[in-house]
């Protein structure tokens, strides 16, 4: 069974930075597209960033220029570097992979941006 485990969330002040990590149970990031989603309370889950096997990336407009998705295939890990954080970035962040039309999700890590 594919398992994804996120870590790195926490409380940060506006303008601060955090790096999230997603460790996969097996080699995935070089084979399938990996993505970060987030969901704020009572809001729709939204795609934040994705990285394809070939390395191409895409980002939600709201995070372009501030967030960077990257990978370390040797460690089966995908990262999300978040800079210039704002309160609007507060959400539970989830790691995601689509394998043959089946979605796999991590348990999520809470990011709270507040003074």
N, C-alpha and C. Protein backbone atom coordinates (compact mmCIF):
# COMPACT_ATOMS: atom_id res chain seq x y z
N UNK A 1 0.85 -1.19 0.00
CA UNK A 1 0.00 0.00 0.00
C UNK A 1 0.89 1.24 0.00
N UNK A 2 0.59 2.18 -0.87
CA UNK A 2 1.33 3.42 -0.92
C UNK A 2 0.99 4.26 0.29
N UNK A 3 2.02 4.76 0.95
CA UNK A 3 1.83 5.62 2.10
C UNK A 3 2.65 6.89 1.93
N UNK A 4 2.05 8.00 2.32
CA UNK A 4 2.70 9.29 2.26
C UNK A 4 2.62 9.92 3.64
N UNK A 5 3.73 10.44 4.11
CA UNK A 5 3.79 11.04 5.43
C UNK A 5 4.35 12.44 5.33
N UNK A 6 3.54 13.42 5.70
CA UNK A 6 3.96 14.81 5.67
C UNK A 6 4.53 15.23 7.02
N UNK A 7 5.41 16.19 6.98
CA UNK A 7 5.95 16.77 8.19
C UNK A 7 6.44 18.18 7.88
N UNK A 8 6.72 18.93 8.92
CA UNK A 8 7.29 20.25 8.76
C UNK A 8 6.35 21.39 9.03
N UNK A 9 5.08 21.09 9.25
CA UNK A 9 4.14 22.15 9.53
C UNK A 9 4.36 22.75 10.91
N UNK A 10 3.69 23.85 11.15
CA UNK A 10 3.81 24.51 12.43
C UNK A 10 3.26 25.91 12.38
N UNK A 11 3.58 26.66 13.40
CA UNK A 11 3.15 28.05 13.52
C UNK A 11 4.27 28.96 13.07
N UNK A 12 3.95 29.88 12.19
CA UNK A 12 4.94 30.81 11.68
C UNK A 12 4.31 32.19 11.55
N UNK A 13 5.10 33.21 11.74
CA UNK A 13 4.60 34.58 11.61
C UNK A 13 4.51 34.98 10.14
N UNK A 14 3.62 35.91 9.84
CA UNK A 14 3.54 36.41 8.46
C UNK A 14 4.91 36.87 7.97
N UNK A 15 5.20 36.50 6.74
CA UNK A 15 6.50 36.81 6.16
C UNK A 15 7.55 35.75 6.40
N UNK A 16 7.23 34.80 7.23
CA UNK A 16 8.16 33.74 7.54
C UNK A 16 8.16 32.63 6.52
N UNK A 17 8.94 31.60 6.80
CA UNK A 17 9.10 30.49 5.88
C UNK A 17 8.98 29.16 6.59
N UNK A 18 8.55 28.17 5.85
CA UNK A 18 8.51 26.79 6.31
C UNK A 18 8.82 25.89 5.13
N UNK A 19 9.38 24.73 5.44
CA UNK A 19 9.58 23.71 4.43
C UNK A 19 8.85 22.45 4.85
N UNK A 20 7.95 21.99 4.01
CA UNK A 20 7.23 20.76 4.26
C UNK A 20 7.91 19.61 3.54
N UNK A 21 7.83 18.44 4.13
CA UNK A 21 8.39 17.24 3.54
C UNK A 21 7.32 16.17 3.42
N UNK A 22 7.41 15.41 2.37
CA UNK A 22 6.52 14.28 2.15
C UNK A 22 7.37 13.08 1.82
N UNK A 23 7.38 12.11 2.71
CA UNK A 23 8.16 10.90 2.51
C UNK A 23 7.23 9.79 2.04
N UNK A 24 7.56 9.20 0.92
CA UNK A 24 6.76 8.13 0.35
C UNK A 24 7.30 6.77 0.75
N UNK A 25 6.41 5.81 0.78
CA UNK A 25 6.79 4.45 1.16
C UNK A 25 7.61 3.74 0.09
N UNK A 26 7.63 4.29 -1.09
CA UNK A 26 8.35 3.69 -2.18
C UNK A 26 8.70 4.76 -3.20
N UNK A 27 9.47 4.37 -4.20
CA UNK A 27 9.88 5.31 -5.23
C UNK A 27 8.67 5.75 -6.04
N UNK A 28 8.35 7.03 -5.96
CA UNK A 28 7.19 7.58 -6.64
C UNK A 28 7.50 8.84 -7.43
N UNK A 29 8.30 9.71 -6.85
CA UNK A 29 8.46 11.04 -7.40
C UNK A 29 9.13 11.08 -8.76
N UNK A 30 9.85 10.04 -9.11
CA UNK A 30 10.46 9.98 -10.42
C UNK A 30 9.62 9.22 -11.43
N UNK A 31 8.47 8.73 -10.98
CA UNK A 31 7.61 7.91 -11.81
C UNK A 31 6.24 8.55 -12.04
N UNK A 32 5.70 9.14 -11.00
CA UNK A 32 4.38 9.75 -11.05
C UNK A 32 4.46 11.21 -10.64
N UNK A 33 3.45 11.94 -11.04
CA UNK A 33 3.35 13.33 -10.60
C UNK A 33 3.00 13.38 -9.12
N UNK A 34 3.77 14.14 -8.38
CA UNK A 34 3.52 14.37 -6.97
C UNK A 34 2.99 15.78 -6.80
N UNK A 35 2.15 15.96 -5.82
CA UNK A 35 1.53 17.26 -5.63
C UNK A 35 1.30 17.57 -4.17
N UNK A 36 1.22 18.85 -3.90
CA UNK A 36 0.79 19.35 -2.61
C UNK A 36 -0.56 20.03 -2.76
N UNK A 37 -1.48 19.66 -1.91
CA UNK A 37 -2.77 20.31 -1.81
C UNK A 37 -2.89 20.93 -0.42
N UNK A 38 -3.85 21.81 -0.29
CA UNK A 38 -4.13 22.34 1.03
C UNK A 38 -5.63 22.55 1.19
N UNK A 39 -6.05 22.53 2.43
CA UNK A 39 -7.45 22.73 2.72
C UNK A 39 -7.59 23.51 4.02
N UNK A 40 -8.19 24.67 3.92
CA UNK A 40 -8.50 25.48 5.07
C UNK A 40 -9.85 25.05 5.62
N UNK A 41 -10.12 25.34 6.89
CA UNK A 41 -11.41 24.95 7.47
C UNK A 41 -12.59 25.46 6.65
N UNK A 42 -13.51 24.58 6.36
CA UNK A 42 -14.73 24.90 5.63
C UNK A 42 -14.48 25.41 4.21
N UNK A 43 -13.32 25.11 3.68
CA UNK A 43 -13.01 25.50 2.32
C UNK A 43 -12.65 24.29 1.48
N UNK A 44 -12.73 24.49 0.17
CA UNK A 44 -12.42 23.42 -0.76
C UNK A 44 -10.92 23.10 -0.75
N UNK A 45 -10.61 21.83 -0.87
CA UNK A 45 -9.22 21.44 -1.04
C UNK A 45 -8.73 21.96 -2.39
N UNK A 46 -7.55 22.53 -2.40
CA UNK A 46 -7.03 23.10 -3.62
C UNK A 46 -5.61 22.65 -3.89
N UNK A 47 -5.30 22.55 -5.16
CA UNK A 47 -3.94 22.22 -5.58
C UNK A 47 -3.02 23.41 -5.33
N UNK A 48 -1.90 23.15 -4.71
CA UNK A 48 -0.91 24.18 -4.44
C UNK A 48 0.23 24.12 -5.43
N UNK A 49 0.79 22.93 -5.59
CA UNK A 49 1.94 22.76 -6.48
C UNK A 49 2.04 21.30 -6.88
N UNK A 50 2.63 21.07 -8.04
CA UNK A 50 2.83 19.71 -8.53
C UNK A 50 4.15 19.63 -9.26
N UNK A 51 4.74 18.45 -9.22
CA UNK A 51 5.98 18.20 -9.94
C UNK A 51 5.85 16.88 -10.68
N UNK A 52 6.10 16.92 -11.97
CA UNK A 52 5.98 15.76 -12.82
C UNK A 52 7.26 14.93 -12.79
N UNK A 53 7.19 13.69 -13.26
CA UNK A 53 8.40 12.85 -13.27
C UNK A 53 9.58 13.49 -13.96
N UNK A 54 9.32 14.23 -15.03
CA UNK A 54 10.40 14.88 -15.75
C UNK A 54 10.93 16.13 -15.09
N UNK A 55 10.28 16.57 -14.02
CA UNK A 55 10.75 17.72 -13.29
C UNK A 55 9.98 19.00 -13.51
N UNK A 56 9.07 19.01 -14.47
CA UNK A 56 8.28 20.21 -14.69
C UNK A 56 7.35 20.45 -13.51
N UNK A 57 7.09 21.70 -13.24
CA UNK A 57 6.28 22.07 -12.09
C UNK A 57 5.16 23.01 -12.49
N UNK A 58 4.14 23.05 -11.66
CA UNK A 58 3.12 24.05 -11.81
C UNK A 58 2.62 24.45 -10.44
N UNK A 59 2.12 25.67 -10.35
CA UNK A 59 1.73 26.24 -9.07
C UNK A 59 0.40 26.96 -9.19
N UNK A 60 -0.31 26.99 -8.09
CA UNK A 60 -1.47 27.84 -8.01
C UNK A 60 -1.02 29.29 -8.12
N UNK A 61 -1.85 30.10 -8.75
CA UNK A 61 -1.49 31.50 -8.91
C UNK A 61 -1.20 32.18 -7.57
N UNK A 62 -1.89 31.76 -6.55
CA UNK A 62 -1.76 32.41 -5.25
C UNK A 62 -0.40 32.18 -4.59
N UNK A 63 0.34 31.18 -5.06
CA UNK A 63 1.62 30.86 -4.43
C UNK A 63 2.81 31.03 -5.37
N UNK A 64 2.57 31.36 -6.60
CA UNK A 64 3.66 31.54 -7.55
C UNK A 64 4.63 32.61 -7.06
N UNK A 65 5.89 32.28 -7.15
CA UNK A 65 6.92 33.20 -6.71
C UNK A 65 7.24 33.11 -5.24
N UNK A 66 6.40 32.39 -4.49
CA UNK A 66 6.63 32.24 -3.05
C UNK A 66 6.92 30.80 -2.65
N UNK A 67 6.29 29.86 -3.32
CA UNK A 67 6.45 28.44 -2.98
C UNK A 67 7.26 27.75 -4.06
N UNK A 68 8.02 26.76 -3.64
CA UNK A 68 8.80 25.95 -4.57
C UNK A 68 8.64 24.48 -4.22
N UNK A 69 8.22 23.70 -5.18
CA UNK A 69 8.15 22.26 -4.99
C UNK A 69 9.41 21.64 -5.57
N UNK A 70 9.96 20.68 -4.86
CA UNK A 70 11.16 20.01 -5.30
C UNK A 70 11.13 18.57 -4.83
N UNK A 71 12.10 17.81 -5.27
CA UNK A 71 12.12 16.39 -4.92
C UNK A 71 13.54 15.90 -4.70
N UNK A 72 13.64 14.86 -3.94
CA UNK A 72 14.88 14.12 -3.77
C UNK A 72 14.50 12.66 -3.96
N UNK A 73 14.65 12.18 -5.17
CA UNK A 73 14.18 10.84 -5.49
C UNK A 73 14.91 9.76 -4.69
N UNK A 74 16.17 10.00 -4.38
CA UNK A 74 16.93 9.02 -3.62
C UNK A 74 16.36 8.83 -2.23
N UNK A 75 15.72 9.87 -1.71
CA UNK A 75 15.12 9.81 -0.38
C UNK A 75 13.62 9.58 -0.43
N UNK A 76 13.07 9.40 -1.62
CA UNK A 76 11.63 9.24 -1.79
C UNK A 76 10.86 10.39 -1.13
N UNK A 77 11.37 11.58 -1.31
CA UNK A 77 10.83 12.72 -0.60
C UNK A 77 10.54 13.87 -1.56
N UNK A 78 9.41 14.50 -1.33
CA UNK A 78 9.02 15.71 -2.04
C UNK A 78 8.91 16.83 -1.02
N UNK A 79 9.37 18.00 -1.40
CA UNK A 79 9.39 19.14 -0.50
C UNK A 79 8.52 20.27 -1.03
N UNK A 80 8.09 21.08 -0.12
CA UNK A 80 7.42 22.32 -0.47
C UNK A 80 8.04 23.43 0.37
N UNK A 81 8.86 24.24 -0.27
CA UNK A 81 9.46 25.40 0.39
C UNK A 81 8.48 26.56 0.28
N UNK A 82 8.10 27.10 1.41
CA UNK A 82 7.11 28.17 1.45
C UNK A 82 7.76 29.41 2.04
N UNK A 83 7.76 30.46 1.28
CA UNK A 83 8.32 31.73 1.71
C UNK A 83 7.25 32.81 1.71
N UNK A 84 7.55 33.89 2.38
CA UNK A 84 6.64 35.04 2.43
C UNK A 84 5.22 34.61 2.77
N UNK A 85 5.10 33.82 3.80
CA UNK A 85 3.81 33.28 4.17
C UNK A 85 2.86 34.35 4.68
N UNK A 86 1.60 34.16 4.37
CA UNK A 86 0.54 35.07 4.81
C UNK A 86 -0.52 34.27 5.55
N UNK A 87 -1.38 34.94 6.31
CA UNK A 87 -2.45 34.21 6.99
C UNK A 87 -3.33 33.41 6.05
N UNK A 88 -3.43 33.84 4.80
CA UNK A 88 -4.25 33.12 3.83
C UNK A 88 -3.64 31.77 3.46
N UNK A 89 -2.40 31.55 3.82
CA UNK A 89 -1.77 30.26 3.57
C UNK A 89 -2.08 29.24 4.67
N UNK A 90 -2.74 29.67 5.71
CA UNK A 90 -3.09 28.77 6.81
C UNK A 90 -4.02 27.67 6.30
N UNK A 91 -3.62 26.44 6.52
CA UNK A 91 -4.39 25.29 6.05
C UNK A 91 -3.69 24.02 6.48
N UNK A 92 -4.38 22.92 6.28
CA UNK A 92 -3.73 21.62 6.37
C UNK A 92 -3.19 21.29 4.99
N UNK A 93 -1.93 20.96 4.93
CA UNK A 93 -1.28 20.66 3.66
C UNK A 93 -1.13 19.16 3.50
N UNK A 94 -1.54 18.67 2.34
CA UNK A 94 -1.54 17.25 2.06
C UNK A 94 -0.65 16.91 0.87
N UNK A 95 0.09 15.85 1.01
CA UNK A 95 0.85 15.30 -0.09
C UNK A 95 -0.05 14.36 -0.88
N UNK A 96 0.13 14.34 -2.19
CA UNK A 96 -0.76 13.58 -3.05
C UNK A 96 0.00 12.96 -4.21
N UNK A 97 -0.45 11.79 -4.62
CA UNK A 97 0.05 11.16 -5.84
C UNK A 97 -1.10 10.45 -6.53
N UNK A 98 -1.11 10.53 -7.83
CA UNK A 98 -2.10 9.82 -8.64
C UNK A 98 -1.39 8.67 -9.35
N UNK A 99 -1.81 7.48 -9.02
CA UNK A 99 -1.22 6.29 -9.61
C UNK A 99 -2.31 5.51 -10.34
N UNK A 100 -2.26 5.56 -11.65
CA UNK A 100 -3.22 4.85 -12.48
C UNK A 100 -4.65 5.20 -12.09
N UNK A 101 -4.90 6.48 -12.00
CA UNK A 101 -6.22 7.04 -11.73
C UNK A 101 -6.71 6.80 -10.30
N UNK A 102 -5.83 6.40 -9.43
CA UNK A 102 -6.16 6.24 -8.02
C UNK A 102 -5.36 7.24 -7.20
N UNK A 103 -6.05 7.96 -6.35
CA UNK A 103 -5.43 8.99 -5.54
C UNK A 103 -4.95 8.44 -4.20
N UNK A 104 -3.75 8.86 -3.81
CA UNK A 104 -3.22 8.53 -2.50
C UNK A 104 -2.88 9.82 -1.77
N UNK A 105 -3.20 9.86 -0.50
CA UNK A 105 -3.04 11.06 0.30
C UNK A 105 -2.29 10.79 1.59
N UNK A 106 -1.52 11.77 2.01
CA UNK A 106 -0.95 11.73 3.34
C UNK A 106 -1.98 12.18 4.36
N UNK A 107 -1.59 12.16 5.62
CA UNK A 107 -2.50 12.55 6.69
C UNK A 107 -2.60 14.06 6.86
N UNK A 108 -1.67 14.77 6.30
CA UNK A 108 -1.69 16.22 6.36
C UNK A 108 -0.84 16.78 7.48
N UNK A 109 -0.37 17.98 7.26
CA UNK A 109 0.38 18.70 8.28
C UNK A 109 -0.14 20.13 8.35
N UNK A 110 -0.39 20.59 9.55
CA UNK A 110 -1.00 21.90 9.76
C UNK A 110 0.02 23.01 9.63
N UNK A 111 -0.33 24.00 8.83
CA UNK A 111 0.45 25.22 8.72
C UNK A 111 -0.42 26.37 9.18
N UNK A 112 0.04 27.08 10.17
CA UNK A 112 -0.69 28.23 10.69
C UNK A 112 0.20 29.46 10.60
N UNK A 113 -0.30 30.46 9.91
CA UNK A 113 0.44 31.71 9.74
C UNK A 113 -0.30 32.79 10.51
N UNK A 114 0.30 33.25 11.57
CA UNK A 114 -0.37 34.21 12.45
C UNK A 114 0.65 34.98 13.26
N UNK A 115 0.31 36.22 13.56
CA UNK A 115 1.17 37.03 14.40
C UNK A 115 1.05 36.61 15.86
